[in-house]
Amino acid sequence: MTLLTNILVLTTISLALSGANATLEIVCKAASNNDAGVNYDFCVKELGNHPWAHDTDAWGLAMQAADCGIGNAYRAIEDIEGMLAKPGSDAKAKEALGQCDGLYTGMKYAFANAHDWIKNRNYTAGKEEAEKVTTLANMCDDILAKADVTSPLTERSTYSLQIAIVCSAIITLIQ
């Protein structure tokens, strides 16, 4: 890239992050360029599910990412509670799922706290909360693996990890 091209890209990203002509695609691209863990397509798809997502700035998108994480955690808890209510389930599996229920509750609160911190523009605290999700999701996966239970939460876990990475990366852009 030429120097002029670099300046134009940086100016476009800067405008997007400040809210002027912000687009979801520019923020997701900047996040994926800044953090190799961010899947650009996932970022655009998940944050773009909301009509106003295309008209907001990075601050709003960071809060949206946290909201997506909250919703996923709620759905995971509902899934777990449904599995625990099924008669005839293996005791070891039930114990592992019960532990994961607590961990997903922790993820729900971590995402909710991240949202609140971002809203109050305390980006360091927001990022710390979003990053807690990785540990909690990995702990659930490990508990299920140690109990020799095929994880019924693989999609929920993957989603939690991805949306936490997106949230954290966007926070990094606006810090």
C-alpha atoms as a PDB file:
ATOM      1  CA  MET A   1       0.000   0.000   0.000  1.00  0.00           C
ATOM      2  CA  THR A   2       1.115   3.487  -0.692  1.00  0.00           C
ATOM      3  CA  LEU A   3       1.356   6.110   1.989  1.00  0.00           C
ATOM      4  CA  LEU A   4      -1.723   7.853   0.587  1.00  0.00           C
ATOM      5  CA  THR A   5      -3.723   4.617   0.674  1.00  0.00           C
ATOM      6  CA  ASN A   6      -2.666   4.010   4.283  1.00  0.00           C
ATOM      7  CA  ILE A   7      -3.717   7.539   5.232  1.00  0.00           C
ATOM      8  CA  LEU A   8      -7.104   7.103   3.532  1.00  0.00           C
ATOM      9  CA  VAL A   9      -7.720   3.754   5.274  1.00  0.00           C
ATOM     10  CA  LEU A  10      -6.749   5.176   8.661  1.00  0.00           C
ATOM     11  CA  THR A  11      -8.913   8.257   8.118  1.00  0.00           C
ATOM     12  CA  THR A  12     -11.909   6.092   7.153  1.00  0.00           C
ATOM     13  CA  ILE A  13     -11.435   3.887  10.210  1.00  0.00           C
ATOM     14  CA  SER A  14     -11.010   6.926  12.441  1.00  0.00           C
ATOM     15  CA  LEU A  15     -14.237   8.457  11.118  1.00  0.00           C
ATOM     16  CA  ALA A  16     -16.076   5.176  11.634  1.00  0.00           C
ATOM     17  CA  LEU A  17     -14.877   4.852  15.172  1.00  0.00           C
ATOM     18  CA  SER A  18     -15.911   8.399  15.973  1.00  0.00           C
ATOM     19  CA  GLY A  19     -19.397   7.836  14.619  1.00  0.00           C
ATOM     20  CA  ALA A  20     -19.122   9.934  11.455  1.00  0.00           C
ATOM     21  CA  ASN A  21     -20.299   7.757   8.549  1.00  0.00           C
ATOM     22  CA  ALA A  22     -19.790   4.736  10.777  1.00  0.00           C
ATOM     23  CA  THR A  23     -20.520   1.444   9.165  1.00  0.00           C
ATOM     24  CA  LEU A  24     -20.682  -1.971  10.659  1.00  0.00           C
ATOM     25  CA  GLU A  25     -18.362  -3.297   7.978  1.00  0.00           C
ATOM     26  CA  ILE A  26     -15.645  -0.713   8.650  1.00  0.00           C
ATOM     27  CA  VAL A  27     -15.674  -1.359  12.401  1.00  0.00           C
ATOM     28  CA  CYS A  28     -15.629  -5.139  11.917  1.00  0.00           C
ATOM     29  CA  LYS A  29     -12.800  -4.802   9.380  1.00  0.00           C
ATOM     30  CA  ALA A  30     -10.786  -2.627  11.756  1.00  0.00           C
ATOM     31  CA  ALA A  31     -11.408  -5.092  14.589  1.00  0.00           C
ATOM     32  CA  SER A  32     -10.331  -8.055  12.452  1.00  0.00           C
ATOM     33  CA  ASN A  33      -7.248  -6.195  11.224  1.00  0.00           C
ATOM     34  CA  ASN A  34      -6.328  -5.328  14.806  1.00  0.00           C
ATOM     35  CA  ASP A  35      -7.079  -8.760  16.332  1.00  0.00           C
ATOM     36  CA  ALA A  36      -6.453 -11.959  14.380  1.00  0.00           C
ATOM     37  CA  GLY A  37      -9.028 -13.730  16.560  1.00  0.00           C
ATOM     38  CA  VAL A  38     -11.880 -11.682  15.098  1.00  0.00           C
ATOM     39  CA  ASN A  39     -13.756 -13.408  12.313  1.00  0.00           C
ATOM     40  CA  TYR A  40     -14.881 -10.546  10.067  1.00  0.00           C
ATOM     41  CA  ASP A  41     -17.833 -12.442   8.573  1.00  0.00           C
ATOM     42  CA  PHE A  42     -19.068 -13.477  12.018  1.00  0.00           C
ATOM     43  CA  CYS A  43     -18.747  -9.889  13.270  1.00  0.00           C
ATOM     44  CA  VAL A  44     -20.764  -8.445  10.390  1.00  0.00           C
ATOM     45  CA  LYS A  45     -23.387 -11.195  10.446  1.00  0.00           C
ATOM     46  CA  GLU A  46     -24.024 -11.190  14.185  1.00  0.00           C
ATOM     47  CA  LEU A  47     -23.907  -7.464  14.807  1.00  0.00           C
ATOM     48  CA  GLY A  48     -25.766  -6.802  11.572  1.00  0.00           C
ATOM     49  CA  ASN A  49     -28.792  -8.779  12.756  1.00  0.00           C
ATOM     50  CA  HIS A  50     -30.151  -5.586  14.292  1.00  0.00           C
ATOM     51  CA  PRO A  51     -31.599  -2.868  12.044  1.00  0.00           C
ATOM     52  CA  TRP A  52     -29.830   0.009  13.766  1.00  0.00           C
ATOM     53  CA  ALA A  53     -26.426  -1.730  13.714  1.00  0.00           C
ATOM     54  CA  HIS A  54     -25.600  -0.130  10.362  1.00  0.00           C
ATOM     55  CA  ASP A  55     -26.201   3.372  11.738  1.00  0.00           C
ATOM     56  CA  THR A  56     -24.193   3.256  14.937  1.00  0.00           C
ATOM     57  CA  ASP A  57     -20.585   3.809  15.923  1.00  0.00           C
ATOM     58  CA  ALA A  58     -18.019   1.472  17.462  1.00  0.00           C
ATOM     59  CA  TRP A  59     -19.290   2.298  20.955  1.00  0.00           C
ATOM     60  CA  GLY A  60     -22.794   1.123  20.031  1.00  0.00           C
ATOM     61  CA  LEU A  61     -21.430  -1.952  18.284  1.00  0.00           C
ATOM     62  CA  ALA A  62     -19.375  -2.919  21.347  1.00  0.00           C
ATOM     63  CA  MET A  63     -22.543  -2.739  23.446  1.00  0.00           C
ATOM     64  CA  GLN A  64     -24.386  -4.735  20.770  1.00  0.00           C
ATOM     65  CA  ALA A  65     -21.721  -7.450  20.928  1.00  0.00           C
ATOM     66  CA  ALA A  66     -22.195  -7.665  24.695  1.00  0.00           C
ATOM     67  CA  ASP A  67     -25.975  -7.870  24.192  1.00  0.00           C
ATOM     68  CA  CYS A  68     -25.493 -10.734  21.712  1.00  0.00           C
ATOM     69  CA  GLY A  69     -23.412 -12.523  24.347  1.00  0.00           C
ATOM     70  CA  ILE A  70     -26.131 -12.045  26.960  1.00  0.00           C
ATOM     71  CA  GLY A  71     -28.742 -13.509  24.608  1.00  0.00           C
ATOM     72  CA  ASN A  72     -26.575 -16.517  23.807  1.00  0.00           C
ATOM     73  CA  ALA A  73     -25.919 -17.158  27.504  1.00  0.00           C
ATOM     74  CA  TYR A  74     -29.659 -17.024  28.241  1.00  0.00           C
ATOM     75  CA  ARG A  75     -30.344 -19.520  25.444  1.00  0.00           C
ATOM     76  CA  ALA A  76     -27.555 -21.814  26.710  1.00  0.00           C
ATOM     77  CA  ILE A  77     -29.016 -21.733  30.224  1.00  0.00           C
ATOM     78  CA  GLU A  78     -32.434 -22.628  28.793  1.00  0.00           C
ATOM     79  CA  ASP A  79     -30.846 -25.485  26.830  1.00  0.00           C
ATOM     80  CA  ILE A  80     -29.067 -26.767  29.947  1.00  0.00           C
ATOM     81  CA  GLU A  81     -32.173 -26.563  32.093  1.00  0.00           C
ATOM     82  CA  GLY A  82     -34.095 -28.493  29.430  1.00  0.00           C
ATOM     83  CA  MET A  83     -31.433 -31.209  29.398  1.00  0.00           C
ATOM     84  CA  LEU A  84     -31.392 -31.380  33.198  1.00  0.00           C
ATOM     85  CA  ALA A  85     -35.178 -31.793  33.276  1.00  0.00           C
ATOM     86  CA  LYS A  86     -35.107 -34.830  30.982  1.00  0.00           C
ATOM     87  CA  PRO A  87     -35.749 -38.016  32.934  1.00  0.00           C
ATOM     88  CA  GLY A  88     -33.227 -40.813  32.699  1.00  0.00           C
ATOM     89  CA  SER A  89     -30.152 -38.642  32.151  1.00  0.00           C
ATOM     90  CA  ASP A  90     -26.830 -39.943  33.358  1.00  0.00           C
ATOM     91  CA  ALA A  91     -25.922 -38.642  36.838  1.00  0.00           C
ATOM     92  CA  LYS A  92     -22.398 -37.707  35.719  1.00  0.00           C
ATOM     93  CA  ALA A  93     -23.774 -35.762  32.766  1.00  0.00           C
ATOM     94  CA  LYS A  94     -26.315 -33.998  34.991  1.00  0.00           C
ATOM     95  CA  GLU A  95     -23.595 -32.969  37.433  1.00  0.00           C
ATOM     96  CA  ALA A  96     -21.423 -31.608  34.613  1.00  0.00           C
ATOM     97  CA  LEU A  97     -24.366 -29.766  33.061  1.00  0.00           C
ATOM     98  CA  GLY A  98     -25.272 -28.329  36.464  1.00  0.00           C
ATOM     99  CA  GLN A  99     -21.763 -26.888  36.728  1.00  0.00           C
ATOM    100  CA  CYS A 100     -22.019 -25.489  33.196  1.00  0.00           C
ATOM    101  CA  ASP A 101     -25.338 -23.891  34.136  1.00  0.00           C
ATOM    102  CA  GLY A 102     -23.476 -21.867  36.761  1.00  0.00           C
ATOM    103  CA  LEU A 103     -20.714 -20.998  34.317  1.00  0.00           C
ATOM    104  CA  TYR A 104     -23.169 -19.766  31.678  1.00  0.00           C
ATOM    105  CA  THR A 105     -24.894 -17.722  34.358  1.00  0.00           C
ATOM    106  CA  GLY A 106     -21.466 -16.220  35.017  1.00  0.00           C
ATOM    107  CA  MET A 107     -21.092 -15.507  31.278  1.00  0.00           C
ATOM    108  CA  LYS A 108     -24.487 -13.804  31.224  1.00  0.00           C
ATOM    109  CA  TYR A 109     -23.391 -11.520  34.056  1.00  0.00           C
ATOM    110  CA  ALA A 110     -19.958 -10.911  32.530  1.00  0.00           C
ATOM    111  CA  PHE A 111     -21.545  -9.790  29.268  1.00  0.00           C
ATOM    112  CA  ALA A 112     -24.113  -7.674  31.150  1.00  0.00           C
ATOM    113  CA  ASN A 113     -21.340  -6.044  33.164  1.00  0.00           C
ATOM    114  CA  ALA A 114     -19.317  -5.466  29.987  1.00  0.00           C
ATOM    115  CA  HIS A 115     -22.345  -3.758  28.437  1.00  0.00           C
ATOM    116  CA  ASP A 116     -22.784  -1.512  31.471  1.00  0.00           C
ATOM    117  CA  TRP A 117     -19.097  -0.598  31.623  1.00  0.00           C
ATOM    118  CA  ILE A 118     -19.010   0.176  27.902  1.00  0.00           C
ATOM    119  CA  LYS A 119     -22.171   2.279  28.235  1.00  0.00           C
ATOM    120  CA  ASN A 120     -20.435   4.237  31.003  1.00  0.00           C
ATOM    121  CA  ARG A 121     -17.299   4.476  28.847  1.00  0.00           C
ATOM    122  CA  ASN A 122     -15.126   2.528  31.265  1.00  0.00           C
ATOM    123  CA  TYR A 123     -13.517   0.520  28.497  1.00  0.00           C
ATOM    124  CA  THR A 124     -10.882  -1.194  30.612  1.00  0.00           C
ATOM    125  CA  ALA A 125     -13.508  -2.683  32.929  1.00  0.00           C
ATOM    126  CA  GLY A 126     -15.729  -3.566  29.958  1.00  0.00           C
ATOM    127  CA  LYS A 127     -12.907  -5.392  28.237  1.00  0.00           C
ATOM    128  CA  GLU A 128     -12.013  -7.273  31.430  1.00  0.00           C
ATOM    129  CA  GLU A 129     -15.603  -8.484  31.746  1.00  0.00           C
ATOM    130  CA  ALA A 130     -15.757  -9.580  28.093  1.00  0.00           C
ATOM    131  CA  GLU A 131     -12.482 -11.450  28.489  1.00  0.00           C
ATOM    132  CA  LYS A 132     -13.844 -13.400  31.496  1.00  0.00           C
ATOM    133  CA  VAL A 133     -16.171 -15.192  29.102  1.00  0.00           C
ATOM    134  CA  THR A 134     -13.301 -17.086  27.472  1.00  0.00           C
ATOM    135  CA  THR A 135     -12.294 -18.633  30.780  1.00  0.00           C
ATOM    136  CA  LEU A 136     -15.880 -19.522  31.701  1.00  0.00           C
ATOM    137  CA  ALA A 137     -16.644 -21.113  28.304  1.00  0.00           C
ATOM    138  CA  ASN A 138     -13.413 -23.113  28.390  1.00  0.00           C
ATOM    139  CA  MET A 139     -14.173 -24.265  31.940  1.00  0.00           C
ATOM    140  CA  CYS A 140     -17.560 -25.639  30.850  1.00  0.00           C
ATOM    141  CA  ASP A 141     -16.002 -27.411  27.869  1.00  0.00           C
ATOM    142  CA  ASP A 142     -13.359 -28.930  30.164  1.00  0.00           C
ATOM    143  CA  ILE A 143     -15.950 -30.097  32.725  1.00  0.00           C
ATOM    144  CA  LEU A 144     -17.967 -31.829  30.028  1.00  0.00           C
ATOM    145  CA  ALA A 145     -14.835 -33.425  28.550  1.00  0.00           C
ATOM    146  CA  LYS A 146     -13.647 -34.688  31.963  1.00  0.00           C
ATOM    147  CA  ALA A 147     -17.109 -36.152  32.606  1.00  0.00           C
ATOM    148  CA  ASP A 148     -16.801 -37.885  29.215  1.00  0.00           C
ATOM    149  CA  VAL A 149     -19.965 -36.148  28.041  1.00  0.00           C
ATOM    150  CA  THR A 150     -20.280 -35.197  24.396  1.00  0.00           C
ATOM    151  CA  SER A 151     -20.882 -31.492  24.680  1.00  0.00           C
ATOM    152  CA  PRO A 152     -24.399 -30.442  23.793  1.00  0.00           C
ATOM    153  CA  LEU A 153     -23.164 -26.858  24.111  1.00  0.00           C
ATOM    154  CA  THR A 154     -20.500 -26.775  21.404  1.00  0.00           C
ATOM    155  CA  GLU A 155     -22.316 -24.157  19.312  1.00  0.00           C
ATOM    156  CA  ARG A 156     -23.116 -22.023  22.370  1.00  0.00           C
ATOM    157  CA  SER A 157     -19.506 -22.204  23.534  1.00  0.00           C
ATOM    158  CA  THR A 158     -18.089 -21.319  20.122  1.00  0.00           C
ATOM    159  CA  TYR A 159     -20.515 -18.408  19.807  1.00  0.00           C
ATOM    160  CA  SER A 160     -19.675 -17.140  23.313  1.00  0.00           C
ATOM    161  CA  LEU A 161     -15.971 -17.194  22.543  1.00  0.00           C
ATOM    162  CA  GLN A 162     -16.386 -15.457  19.181  1.00  0.00           C
ATOM    163  CA  ILE A 163     -18.713 -12.700  20.391  1.00  0.00           C
ATOM    164  CA  ALA A 164     -16.465 -12.065  23.418  1.00  0.00           C
ATOM    165  CA  ILE A 165     -13.477 -11.670  21.076  1.00  0.00           C
ATOM    166  CA  VAL A 166     -15.462  -9.277  18.860  1.00  0.00           C
ATOM    167  CA  CYS A 167     -16.605  -7.256  21.870  1.00  0.00           C
ATOM    168  CA  SER A 168     -13.093  -7.040  23.283  1.00  0.00           C
ATOM    169  CA  ALA A 169     -11.563  -6.111  19.908  1.00  0.00           C
ATOM    170  CA  ILE A 170     -14.065  -3.311  19.335  1.00  0.00           C
ATOM    171  CA  ILE A 171     -13.415  -1.997  22.843  1.00  0.00           C
ATOM    172  CA  THR A 172      -9.708  -1.961  22.012  1.00  0.00           C
ATOM    173  CA  LEU A 173     -10.475   0.184  18.959  1.00  0.00           C
ATOM    174  CA  ILE A 174     -12.306   2.812  21.016  1.00  0.00           C
ATOM    175  CA  GLN A 175     -10.033   2.877  24.064  1.00  0.00           C
END
